[in-house]
Amino acid sequence: MTSRGPYRRHSTPFKLQLCQDIRTGALGRRDAQRSHNLSANLIQLWLTQYDRGELNDEEAEASVIAEYEARIAALERKVGQLTMELDLAKKHHGCRPRAAAKDPS
């Protein structure tokens, strides 16, 4: 068996879609394992959660919202960092307007 590489996390919408495809017969378990490089145990765990109603659209939406909020927070931190760096650069280089060039005529 080959190593699947580093630890991966799958989004709730992905899990939900995969379980729906398996339960409707659009996709077989083995096909899902091969095409997405997933273990049979993981697929079984997701199917159990799906059957219990633990994987649903509401949870999927909450997951997406949480991911967006985390991304927004990271971007806000980056903007703050870049703003501070810009202010520091302006102070360090003494950004002053240049004197108007003299007209040689």
PDB file of N, CA and C in Angstrom:
ATOM      1  N   MET A   1       0.848  -1.184   0.000  1.00  0.00           N
ATOM      2  CA  MET A   1       0.000   0.000   0.000  1.00  0.00           C
ATOM      3  C   MET A   1       0.884   1.235   0.000  1.00  0.00           C
ATOM      4  N   THR A   2       0.535   2.210  -0.786  1.00  0.00           N
ATOM      5  CA  THR A   2       1.328   3.429  -0.863  1.00  0.00           C
ATOM      6  C   THR A   2       0.891   4.418   0.199  1.00  0.00           C
ATOM      7  N   SER A   3       1.811   5.272   0.566  1.00  0.00           N
ATOM      8  CA  SER A   3       1.497   6.305   1.545  1.00  0.00           C
ATOM      9  C   SER A   3       0.661   7.381   0.877  1.00  0.00           C
ATOM     10  N   ARG A   4      -0.331   7.873   1.571  1.00  0.00           N
ATOM     11  CA  ARG A   4      -1.193   8.902   0.990  1.00  0.00           C
ATOM     12  C   ARG A   4      -0.650  10.296   1.208  1.00  0.00           C
ATOM     13  N   GLY A   5       0.457  10.436   1.908  1.00  0.00           N
ATOM     14  CA  GLY A   5       1.061  11.747   2.095  1.00  0.00           C
ATOM     15  C   GLY A   5       0.629  12.384   3.391  1.00  0.00           C
ATOM     16  N   PRO A   6       0.715  13.709   3.455  1.00  0.00           N
ATOM     17  CA  PRO A   6       0.405  14.413   4.700  1.00  0.00           C
ATOM     18  C   PRO A   6      -1.080  14.335   5.055  1.00  0.00           C
ATOM     19  N   TYR A   7      -1.345  14.617   6.311  1.00  0.00           N
ATOM     20  CA  TYR A   7      -2.708  14.617   6.837  1.00  0.00           C
ATOM     21  C   TYR A   7      -3.572  15.576   6.036  1.00  0.00           C
ATOM     22  N   ARG A   8      -4.758  15.131   5.674  1.00  0.00           N
ATOM     23  CA  ARG A   8      -5.674  15.966   4.899  1.00  0.00           C
ATOM     24  C   ARG A   8      -6.976  16.163   5.661  1.00  0.00           C
ATOM     25  N   ARG A   9      -7.608  17.290   5.422  1.00  0.00           N
ATOM     26  CA  ARG A   9      -8.942  17.551   5.971  1.00  0.00           C
ATOM     27  C   ARG A   9      -9.872  17.753   4.792  1.00  0.00           C
ATOM     28  N   HIS A  10     -11.055  17.207   4.910  1.00  0.00           N
ATOM     29  CA  HIS A  10     -12.044  17.326   3.836  1.00  0.00           C
ATOM     30  C   HIS A  10     -13.212  18.159   4.344  1.00  0.00           C
ATOM     31  N   SER A  11     -13.694  19.019   3.475  1.00  0.00           N
ATOM     32  CA  SER A  11     -14.790  19.912   3.858  1.00  0.00           C
ATOM     33  C   SER A  11     -16.093  19.122   4.008  1.00  0.00           C
ATOM     34  N   THR A  12     -16.976  19.679   4.792  1.00  0.00           N
ATOM     35  CA  THR A  12     -18.281  19.049   4.991  1.00  0.00           C
ATOM     36  C   THR A  12     -19.056  18.942   3.673  1.00  0.00           C
ATOM     37  N   PRO A  13     -19.038  19.973   2.818  1.00  0.00           N
ATOM     38  CA  PRO A  13     -19.758  19.816   1.542  1.00  0.00           C
ATOM     39  C   PRO A  13     -19.207  18.650   0.699  1.00  0.00           C
ATOM     40  N   PHE A  14     -17.892  18.443   0.734  1.00  0.00           N
ATOM     41  CA  PHE A  14     -17.294  17.323   0.003  1.00  0.00           C
ATOM     42  C   PHE A  14     -17.790  15.988   0.563  1.00  0.00           C
ATOM     43  N   LYS A  15     -17.760  15.862   1.890  1.00  0.00           N
ATOM     44  CA  LYS A  15     -18.218  14.629   2.533  1.00  0.00           C
ATOM     45  C   LYS A  15     -19.692  14.367   2.217  1.00  0.00           C
ATOM     46  N   LEU A  16     -20.490  15.419   2.303  1.00  0.00           N
ATOM     47  CA  LEU A  16     -21.918  15.307   2.050  1.00  0.00           C
ATOM     48  C   LEU A  16     -22.187  14.852   0.621  1.00  0.00           C
ATOM     49  N   GLN A  17     -21.515  15.465  -0.340  1.00  0.00           N
ATOM     50  CA  GLN A  17     -21.702  15.104  -1.746  1.00  0.00           C
ATOM     51  C   GLN A  17     -21.269  13.670  -2.006  1.00  0.00           C
ATOM     52  N   LEU A  18     -20.140  13.266  -1.435  1.00  0.00           N
ATOM     53  CA  LEU A  18     -19.644  11.912  -1.621  1.00  0.00           C
ATOM     54  C   LEU A  18     -20.632  10.888  -1.043  1.00  0.00           C
ATOM     55  N   CYS A  19     -21.113  11.157   0.148  1.00  0.00           N
ATOM     56  CA  CYS A  19     -22.079  10.243   0.772  1.00  0.00           C
ATOM     57  C   CYS A  19     -23.378  10.174  -0.027  1.00  0.00           C
ATOM     58  N   GLN A  20     -23.843  11.306  -0.510  1.00  0.00           N
ATOM     59  CA  GLN A  20     -25.057  11.314  -1.324  1.00  0.00           C
ATOM     60  C   GLN A  20     -24.852  10.494  -2.594  1.00  0.00           C
ATOM     61  N   ASP A  21     -23.682  10.662  -3.228  1.00  0.00           N
ATOM     62  CA  ASP A  21     -23.391   9.911  -4.450  1.00  0.00           C
ATOM     63  C   ASP A  21     -23.347   8.406  -4.180  1.00  0.00           C
ATOM     64  N   ILE A  22     -22.769   8.020  -3.063  1.00  0.00           N
ATOM     65  CA  ILE A  22     -22.688   6.595  -2.727  1.00  0.00           C
ATOM     66  C   ILE A  22     -24.074   6.045  -2.405  1.00  0.00           C
ATOM     67  N   ARG A  23     -24.840   6.779  -1.619  1.00  0.00           N
ATOM     68  CA  ARG A  23     -26.167   6.300  -1.216  1.00  0.00           C
ATOM     69  C   ARG A  23     -27.149   6.236  -2.398  1.00  0.00           C
ATOM     70  N   THR A  24     -27.015   7.125  -3.365  1.00  0.00           N
ATOM     71  CA  THR A  24     -27.906   7.090  -4.532  1.00  0.00           C
ATOM     72  C   THR A  24     -27.436   6.088  -5.581  1.00  0.00           C
ATOM     73  N   GLY A  25     -26.239   5.572  -5.414  1.00  0.00           N
ATOM     74  CA  GLY A  25     -25.711   4.606  -6.367  1.00  0.00           C
ATOM     75  C   GLY A  25     -24.970   5.239  -7.528  1.00  0.00           C
ATOM     76  N   ALA A  26     -24.821   6.544  -7.512  1.00  0.00           N
ATOM     77  CA  ALA A  26     -24.091   7.233  -8.575  1.00  0.00           C
ATOM     78  C   ALA A  26     -22.600   6.915  -8.527  1.00  0.00           C
ATOM     79  N   LEU A  27     -22.123   6.502  -7.357  1.00  0.00           N
ATOM     80  CA  LEU A  27     -20.706   6.211  -7.168  1.00  0.00           C
ATOM     81  C   LEU A  27     -20.591   5.042  -6.205  1.00  0.00           C
ATOM     82  N   GLY A  28     -19.740   4.096  -6.518  1.00  0.00           N
ATOM     83  CA  GLY A  28     -19.514   2.966  -5.629  1.00  0.00           C
ATOM     84  C   GLY A  28     -18.447   3.311  -4.600  1.00  0.00           C
ATOM     85  N   ARG A  29     -18.434   2.560  -3.510  1.00  0.00           N
ATOM     86  CA  ARG A  29     -17.444   2.821  -2.457  1.00  0.00           C
ATOM     87  C   ARG A  29     -16.019   2.657  -2.984  1.00  0.00           C
ATOM     88  N   ARG A  30     -15.799   1.571  -3.720  1.00  0.00           N
ATOM     89  CA  ARG A  30     -14.446   1.337  -4.243  1.00  0.00           C
ATOM     90  C   ARG A  30     -14.029   2.433  -5.221  1.00  0.00           C
ATOM     91  N   ASP A  31     -14.970   2.876  -6.043  1.00  0.00           N
ATOM     92  CA  ASP A  31     -14.668   3.970  -6.968  1.00  0.00           C
ATOM     93  C   ASP A  31     -14.308   5.244  -6.202  1.00  0.00           C
ATOM     94  N   ALA A  32     -15.041   5.504  -5.126  1.00  0.00           N
ATOM     95  CA  ALA A  32     -14.759   6.679  -4.290  1.00  0.00           C
ATOM     96  C   ALA A  32     -13.372   6.555  -3.661  1.00  0.00           C
ATOM     97  N   GLN A  33     -13.047   5.357  -3.182  1.00  0.00           N
ATOM     98  CA  GLN A  33     -11.737   5.131  -2.579  1.00  0.00           C
ATOM     99  C   GLN A  33     -10.631   5.426  -3.580  1.00  0.00           C
ATOM    100  N   ARG A  34     -10.771   4.883  -4.766  1.00  0.00           N
ATOM    101  CA  ARG A  34      -9.722   5.045  -5.783  1.00  0.00           C
ATOM    102  C   ARG A  34      -9.636   6.483  -6.293  1.00  0.00           C
ATOM    103  N   SER A  35     -10.774   7.063  -6.627  1.00  0.00           N
ATOM    104  CA  SER A  35     -10.748   8.386  -7.263  1.00  0.00           C
ATOM    105  C   SER A  35     -10.331   9.500  -6.305  1.00  0.00           C
ATOM    106  N   HIS A  36     -10.626   9.340  -5.015  1.00  0.00           N
ATOM    107  CA  HIS A  36     -10.288  10.388  -4.042  1.00  0.00           C
ATOM    108  C   HIS A  36      -9.173   9.984  -3.088  1.00  0.00           C
ATOM    109  N   ASN A  37      -8.624   8.774  -3.285  1.00  0.00           N
ATOM    110  CA  ASN A  37      -7.540   8.262  -2.445  1.00  0.00           C
ATOM    111  C   ASN A  37      -7.937   8.288  -0.965  1.00  0.00           C
ATOM    112  N   LEU A  38      -9.077   7.656  -0.668  1.00  0.00           N
ATOM    113  CA  LEU A  38      -9.613   7.599   0.695  1.00  0.00           C
ATOM    114  C   LEU A  38      -9.617   6.160   1.187  1.00  0.00           C
ATOM    115  N   SER A  39      -9.539   5.985   2.479  1.00  0.00           N
ATOM    116  CA  SER A  39      -9.608   4.639   3.047  1.00  0.00           C
ATOM    117  C   SER A  39     -11.066   4.203   3.186  1.00  0.00           C
ATOM    118  N   ALA A  40     -11.270   2.902   3.176  1.00  0.00           N
ATOM    119  CA  ALA A  40     -12.612   2.344   3.338  1.00  0.00           C
ATOM    120  C   ALA A  40     -13.180   2.710   4.708  1.00  0.00           C
ATOM    121  N   ASN A  41     -12.316   2.728   5.721  1.00  0.00           N
ATOM    122  CA  ASN A  41     -12.775   3.070   7.074  1.00  0.00           C
ATOM    123  C   ASN A  41     -13.269   4.508   7.149  1.00  0.00           C
ATOM    124  N   LEU A  42     -12.569   5.410   6.473  1.00  0.00           N
ATOM    125  CA  LEU A  42     -12.983   6.811   6.496  1.00  0.00           C
ATOM    126  C   LEU A  42     -14.322   6.995   5.796  1.00  0.00           C
ATOM    127  N   ILE A  43     -14.475   6.331   4.662  1.00  0.00           N
ATOM    128  CA  ILE A  43     -15.750   6.420   3.943  1.00  0.00           C
ATOM    129  C   ILE A  43     -16.879   5.850   4.796  1.00  0.00           C
ATOM    130  N   GLN A  44     -16.613   4.744   5.474  1.00  0.00           N
ATOM    131  CA  GLN A  44     -17.639   4.150   6.349  1.00  0.00           C
ATOM    132  C   GLN A  44     -18.001   5.100   7.481  1.00  0.00           C
ATOM    133  N   LEU A  45     -17.011   5.761   8.049  1.00  0.00           N
ATOM    134  CA  LEU A  45     -17.271   6.730   9.118  1.00  0.00           C
ATOM    135  C   LEU A  45     -18.168   7.853   8.610  1.00  0.00           C
ATOM    136  N   TRP A  46     -17.851   8.381   7.438  1.00  0.00           N
ATOM    137  CA  TRP A  46     -18.661   9.461   6.876  1.00  0.00           C
ATOM    138  C   TRP A  46     -20.082   8.987   6.574  1.00  0.00           C
ATOM    139  N   LEU A  47     -20.215   7.766   6.042  1.00  0.00           N
ATOM    140  CA  LEU A  47     -21.545   7.246   5.737  1.00  0.00           C
ATOM    141  C   LEU A  47     -22.369   7.065   7.011  1.00  0.00           C
ATOM    142  N   THR A  48     -21.728   6.635   8.080  1.00  0.00           N
ATOM    143  CA  THR A  48     -22.423   6.494   9.364  1.00  0.00           C
ATOM    144  C   THR A  48     -22.900   7.862   9.851  1.00  0.00           C
ATOM    145  N   GLN A  49     -22.025   8.858   9.757  1.00  0.00           N
ATOM    146  CA  GLN A  49     -22.406  10.219  10.154  1.00  0.00           C
ATOM    147  C   GLN A  49     -23.540  10.735   9.269  1.00  0.00           C
ATOM    148  N   TYR A  50     -23.458  10.452   7.982  1.00  0.00           N
ATOM    149  CA  TYR A  50     -24.490  10.877   7.032  1.00  0.00           C
ATOM    150  C   TYR A  50     -25.835  10.240   7.380  1.00  0.00           C
ATOM    151  N   ASP A  51     -25.806   8.940   7.664  1.00  0.00           N
ATOM    152  CA  ASP A  51     -27.043   8.225   7.991  1.00  0.00           C
ATOM    153  C   ASP A  51     -27.665   8.724   9.296  1.00  0.00           C
ATOM    154  N   ARG A  52     -26.851   9.144  10.225  1.00  0.00           N
ATOM    155  CA  ARG A  52     -27.352   9.675  11.503  1.00  0.00           C
ATOM    156  C   ARG A  52     -27.839  11.118  11.370  1.00  0.00           C
ATOM    157  N   GLY A  53     -27.549  11.749  10.230  1.00  0.00           N
ATOM    158  CA  GLY A  53     -27.934  13.139  10.030  1.00  0.00           C
ATOM    159  C   GLY A  53     -26.909  14.125  10.553  1.00  0.00           C
ATOM    160  N   GLU A  54     -25.710  13.628  10.841  1.00  0.00           N
ATOM    161  CA  GLU A  54     -24.659  14.508  11.362  1.00  0.00           C
ATOM    162  C   GLU A  54     -23.977  15.302  10.258  1.00  0.00           C
ATOM    163  N   LEU A  55     -24.098  14.834   9.025  1.00  0.00           N
ATOM    164  CA  LEU A  55     -23.613  15.594   7.875  1.00  0.00           C
ATOM    165  C   LEU A  55     -24.832  16.157   7.165  1.00  0.00           C
ATOM    166  N   ASN A  56     -25.007  17.465   7.228  1.00  0.00           N
ATOM    167  CA  ASN A  56     -26.164  18.056   6.579  1.00  0.00           C
ATOM    168  C   ASN A  56     -25.804  19.413   5.990  1.00  0.00           C
ATOM    169  N   ASP A  57     -26.729  19.983   5.238  1.00  0.00           N
ATOM    170  CA  ASP A  57     -26.483  21.265   4.576  1.00  0.00           C
ATOM    171  C   ASP A  57     -26.198  22.381   5.568  1.00  0.00           C
ATOM    172  N   GLU A  58     -26.900  22.350   6.700  1.00  0.00           N
ATOM    173  CA  GLU A  58     -26.700  23.398   7.703  1.00  0.00           C
ATOM    174  C   GLU A  58     -25.266  23.359   8.235  1.00  0.00           C
ATOM    175  N   GLU A  59     -24.794  22.149   8.531  1.00  0.00           N
ATOM    176  CA  GLU A  59     -23.415  22.000   9.014  1.00  0.00           C
ATOM    177  C   GLU A  59     -22.432  22.401   7.918  1.00  0.00           C
ATOM    178  N   ALA A  60     -22.741  22.054   6.682  1.00  0.00           N
ATOM    179  CA  ALA A  60     -21.876  22.404   5.564  1.00  0.00           C
ATOM    180  C   ALA A  60     -21.779  23.924   5.423  1.00  0.00           C
ATOM    181  N   GLU A  61     -22.923  24.603   5.537  1.00  0.00           N
ATOM    182  CA  GLU A  61     -22.927  26.062   5.450  1.00  0.00           C
ATOM    183  C   GLU A  61     -22.142  26.671   6.606  1.00  0.00           C
ATOM    184  N   ALA A  62     -22.303  26.123   7.803  1.00  0.00           N
ATOM    185  CA  ALA A  62     -21.565  26.632   8.958  1.00  0.00           C
ATOM    186  C   ALA A  62     -20.069  26.436   8.762  1.00  0.00           C
ATOM    187  N   SER A  63     -19.697  25.322   8.174  1.00  0.00           N
ATOM    188  CA  SER A  63     -18.288  25.041   7.906  1.00  0.00           C
ATOM    189  C   SER A  63     -17.717  26.051   6.907  1.00  0.00           C
ATOM    190  N   VAL A  64     -18.469  26.319   5.862  1.00  0.00           N
ATOM    191  CA  VAL A  64     -18.018  27.283   4.847  1.00  0.00           C
ATOM    192  C   VAL A  64     -17.910  28.672   5.456  1.00  0.00           C
ATOM    193  N   ILE A  65     -18.881  29.055   6.258  1.00  0.00           N
ATOM    194  CA  ILE A  65     -18.855  30.369   6.911  1.00  0.00           C
ATOM    195  C   ILE A  65     -17.653  30.481   7.831  1.00  0.00           C
ATOM    196  N   ALA A  66     -17.374  29.431   8.586  1.00  0.00           N
ATOM    197  CA  ALA A  66     -16.216  29.451   9.489  1.00  0.00           C
ATOM    198  C   ALA A  66     -14.915  29.582   8.700  1.00  0.00           C
ATOM    199  N   GLU A  67     -14.827  28.888   7.565  1.00  0.00           N
ATOM    200  CA  GLU A  67     -13.627  28.998   6.724  1.00  0.00           C
ATOM    201  C   GLU A  67     -13.488  30.427   6.193  1.00  0.00           C
ATOM    202  N   TYR A  68     -14.585  31.022   5.751  1.00  0.00           N
ATOM    203  CA  TYR A  68     -14.552  32.403   5.252  1.00  0.00           C
ATOM    204  C   TYR A  68     -14.147  33.376   6.354  1.00  0.00           C
ATOM    205  N   GLU A  69     -14.702  33.197   7.542  1.00  0.00           N
ATOM    206  CA  GLU A  69     -14.365  34.091   8.649  1.00  0.00           C
ATOM    207  C   GLU A  69     -12.890  33.986   9.015  1.00  0.00           C
ATOM    208  N   ALA A  70     -12.351  32.778   8.987  1.00  0.00           N
ATOM    209  CA  ALA A  70     -10.928  32.596   9.274  1.00  0.00           C
ATOM    210  C   ALA A  70     -10.078  33.270   8.201  1.00  0.00           C
ATOM    211  N   ARG A  71     -10.485  33.146   6.954  1.00  0.00           N
ATOM    212  CA  ARG A  71      -9.747  33.782   5.846  1.00  0.00           C
ATOM    213  C   ARG A  71      -9.815  35.309   5.956  1.00  0.00           C
ATOM    214  N   ILE A  72     -10.974  35.833   6.292  1.00  0.00           N
ATOM    215  CA  ILE A  72     -11.134  37.280   6.456  1.00  0.00           C
ATOM    216  C   ILE A  72     -10.237  37.781   7.585  1.00  0.00           C
ATOM    217  N   ALA A  73     -10.212  37.069   8.704  1.00  0.00           N
ATOM    218  CA  ALA A  73      -9.373  37.454   9.838  1.00  0.00           C
ATOM    219  C   ALA A  73      -7.906  37.452   9.441  1.00  0.00           C
ATOM    220  N   ALA A  74      -7.482  36.435   8.686  1.00  0.00           N
ATOM    221  CA  ALA A  74      -6.083  36.368   8.239  1.00  0.00           C
ATOM    222  C   ALA A  74      -5.755  37.539   7.316  1.00  0.00           C
ATOM    223  N   LEU A  75      -6.669  37.862   6.422  1.00  0.00           N
ATOM    224  CA  LEU A  75      -6.440  38.991   5.514  1.00  0.00           C
ATOM    225  C   LEU A  75      -6.413  40.321   6.266  1.00  0.00           C
ATOM    226  N   GLU A  76      -7.281  40.479   7.265  1.00  0.00           N
ATOM    227  CA  GLU A  76      -7.275  41.705   8.063  1.00  0.00           C
ATOM    228  C   GLU A  76      -5.955  41.856   8.815  1.00  0.00           C
ATOM    229  N   ARG A  77      -5.423  40.738   9.334  1.00  0.00           N
ATOM    230  CA  ARG A  77      -4.122  40.795  10.010  1.00  0.00           C
ATOM    231  C   ARG A  77      -3.025  41.200   9.034  1.00  0.00           C
ATOM    232  N   LYS A  78      -3.089  40.648   7.827  1.00  0.00           N
ATOM    233  CA  LYS A  78      -2.082  40.973   6.811  1.00  0.00           C
ATOM    234  C   LYS A  78      -2.160  42.449   6.421  1.00  0.00           C
ATOM    235  N   VAL A  79      -3.362  42.965   6.254  1.00  0.00           N
ATOM    236  CA  VAL A  79      -3.528  44.386   5.922  1.00  0.00           C
ATOM    237  C   VAL A  79      -2.951  45.250   7.041  1.00  0.00           C
ATOM    238  N   GLY A  80      -3.229  44.891   8.279  1.00  0.00           N
ATOM    239  CA  GLY A  80      -2.684  45.643   9.409  1.00  0.00           C
ATOM    240  C   GLY A  80      -1.167  45.612   9.424  1.00  0.00           C
ATOM    241  N   GLN A  81      -0.597  44.442   9.167  1.00  0.00           N
ATOM    242  CA  GLN A  81       0.858  44.305   9.135  1.00  0.00           C
ATOM    243  C   GLN A  81       1.463  45.160   8.022  1.00  0.00           C
ATOM    244  N   LEU A  82       0.874  45.091   6.835  1.00  0.00           N
ATOM    245  CA  LEU A  82       1.396  45.858   5.711  1.00  0.00           C
ATOM    246  C   LEU A  82       1.238  47.361   5.930  1.00  0.00           C
ATOM    247  N   THR A  83       0.160  47.767   6.575  1.00  0.00           N
ATOM    248  CA  THR A  83      -0.048  49.180   6.890  1.00  0.00           C
ATOM    249  C   THR A  83       1.030  49.670   7.843  1.00  0.00           C
ATOM    250  N   MET A  84       1.329  48.871   8.862  1.00  0.00           N
ATOM    251  CA  MET A  84       2.380  49.247   9.812  1.00  0.00           C
ATOM    252  C   MET A  84       3.740  49.325   9.113  1.00  0.00           C
ATOM    253  N   GLU A  85       4.031  48.372   8.228  1.00  0.00           N
ATOM    254  CA  GLU A  85       5.296  48.390   7.502  1.00  0.00           C
ATOM    255  C   GLU A  85       5.388  49.617   6.601  1.00  0.00           C
ATOM    256  N   LEU A  86       4.300  49.978   5.955  1.00  0.00           N
ATOM    257  CA  LEU A  86       4.282  51.154   5.089  1.00  0.00           C
ATOM    258  C   LEU A  86       4.503  52.422   5.898  1.00  0.00           C
ATOM    259  N   ASP A  87       3.830  52.541   7.033  1.00  0.00           N
ATOM    260  CA  ASP A  87       4.026  53.707   7.896  1.00  0.00           C
ATOM    261  C   ASP A  87       5.469  53.803   8.368  1.00  0.00           C
ATOM    262  N   LEU A  88       6.053  52.680   8.732  1.00  0.00           N
ATOM    263  CA  LEU A  88       7.443  52.656   9.171  1.00  0.00           C
ATOM    264  C   LEU A  88       8.379  53.058   8.039  1.00  0.00           C
ATOM    265  N   ALA A  89       8.116  52.561   6.845  1.00  0.00           N
ATOM    266  CA  ALA A  89       8.948  52.910   5.693  1.00  0.00           C
ATOM    267  C   ALA A  89       8.849  54.398   5.380  1.00  0.00           C
ATOM    268  N   LYS A  90       7.658  54.963   5.501  1.00  0.00           N
ATOM    269  CA  LYS A  90       7.483  56.393   5.245  1.00  0.00           C
ATOM    270  C   LYS A  90       8.276  57.215   6.253  1.00  0.00           C
ATOM    271  N   LYS A  91       8.247  56.827   7.522  1.00  0.00           N
ATOM    272  CA  LYS A  91       8.983  57.553   8.555  1.00  0.00           C
ATOM    273  C   LYS A  91      10.479  57.402   8.346  1.00  0.00           C
ATOM    274  N   HIS A  92      10.910  56.193   8.002  1.00  0.00           N
ATOM    275  CA  HIS A  92      12.333  55.903   7.852  1.00  0.00           C
ATOM    276  C   HIS A  92      12.937  56.643   6.662  1.00  0.00           C
ATOM    277  N   HIS A  93      12.235  56.679   5.555  1.00  0.00           N
ATOM    278  CA  HIS A  93      12.752  57.314   4.357  1.00  0.00           C
ATOM    279  C   HIS A  93      12.379  58.783   4.269  1.00  0.00           C
ATOM    280  N   GLY A  94      11.669  59.263   5.213  1.00  0.00           N
ATOM    281  CA  GLY A  94      11.296  60.674   5.239  1.00  0.00           C
ATOM    282  C   GLY A  94      10.585  61.091   3.972  1.00  0.00           C
ATOM    283  N   CYS A  95       9.500  60.498   3.713  1.00  0.00           N
ATOM    284  CA  CYS A  95       8.751  60.805   2.496  1.00  0.00           C
ATOM    285  C   CYS A  95       8.278  62.251   2.547  1.00  0.00           C
ATOM    286  N   ARG A  96       9.049  63.077   1.909  1.00  0.00           N
ATOM    287  CA  ARG A  96       8.686  64.488   1.807  1.00  0.00           C
ATOM    288  C   ARG A  96       8.491  64.801   0.337  1.00  0.00           C
ATOM    289  N   PRO A  97       7.614  65.718   0.027  1.00  0.00           N
ATOM    290  CA  PRO A  97       7.456  66.073  -1.382  1.00  0.00           C
ATOM    291  C   PRO A  97       8.731  66.722  -1.898  1.00  0.00           C
ATOM    292  N   ARG A  98       9.100  66.355  -3.118  1.00  0.00           N
ATOM    293  CA  ARG A  98      10.303  66.933  -3.719  1.00  0.00           C
ATOM    294  C   ARG A  98      10.045  68.383  -4.098  1.00  0.00           C
ATOM    295  N   ALA A  99      11.139  69.174  -4.066  1.00  0.00           N
ATOM    296  CA  ALA A  99      11.017  70.583  -4.484  1.00  0.00           C
ATOM    297  C   ALA A  99      10.735  70.615  -5.982  1.00  0.00           C
ATOM    298  N   ALA A 100       9.946  71.568  -6.392  1.00  0.00           N
ATOM    299  CA  ALA A 100       9.586  71.666  -7.800  1.00  0.00           C
ATOM    300  C   ALA A 100      10.848  71.922  -8.620  1.00  0.00           C
ATOM    301  N   ALA A 101      10.965  71.252  -9.740  1.00  0.00           N
ATOM    302  CA  ALA A 101      12.137  71.438 -10.619  1.00  0.00           C
ATOM    303  C   ALA A 101      12.108  72.844 -11.177  1.00  0.00           C
ATOM    304  N   LYS A 102      13.293  73.466 -11.210  1.00  0.00           N
ATOM    305  CA  LYS A 102      13.373  74.829 -11.742  1.00  0.00           C
ATOM    306  C   LYS A 102      13.329  74.800 -13.255  1.00  0.00           C
ATOM    307  N   ASP A 103      12.623  75.739 -13.812  1.00  0.00           N
ATOM    308  CA  ASP A 103      12.512  75.839 -15.261  1.00  0.00           C
ATOM    309  C   ASP A 103      13.752  76.555 -15.774  1.00  0.00           C
ATOM    310  N   PRO A 104      14.543  75.899 -16.680  1.00  0.00           N
ATOM    311  CA  PRO A 104      15.795  76.497 -17.135  1.00  0.00           C
ATOM    312  C   PRO A 104      15.598  77.752 -18.003  1.00  0.00           C
ATOM    313  N   SER A 105      14.424  78.066 -18.429  1.00  0.00           N
ATOM    314  CA  SER A 105      14.236  79.240 -19.294  1.00  0.00           C
ATOM    315  C   SER A 105      14.102  80.512 -18.545  1.00  0.00           C
TER     316      SER A 105
END
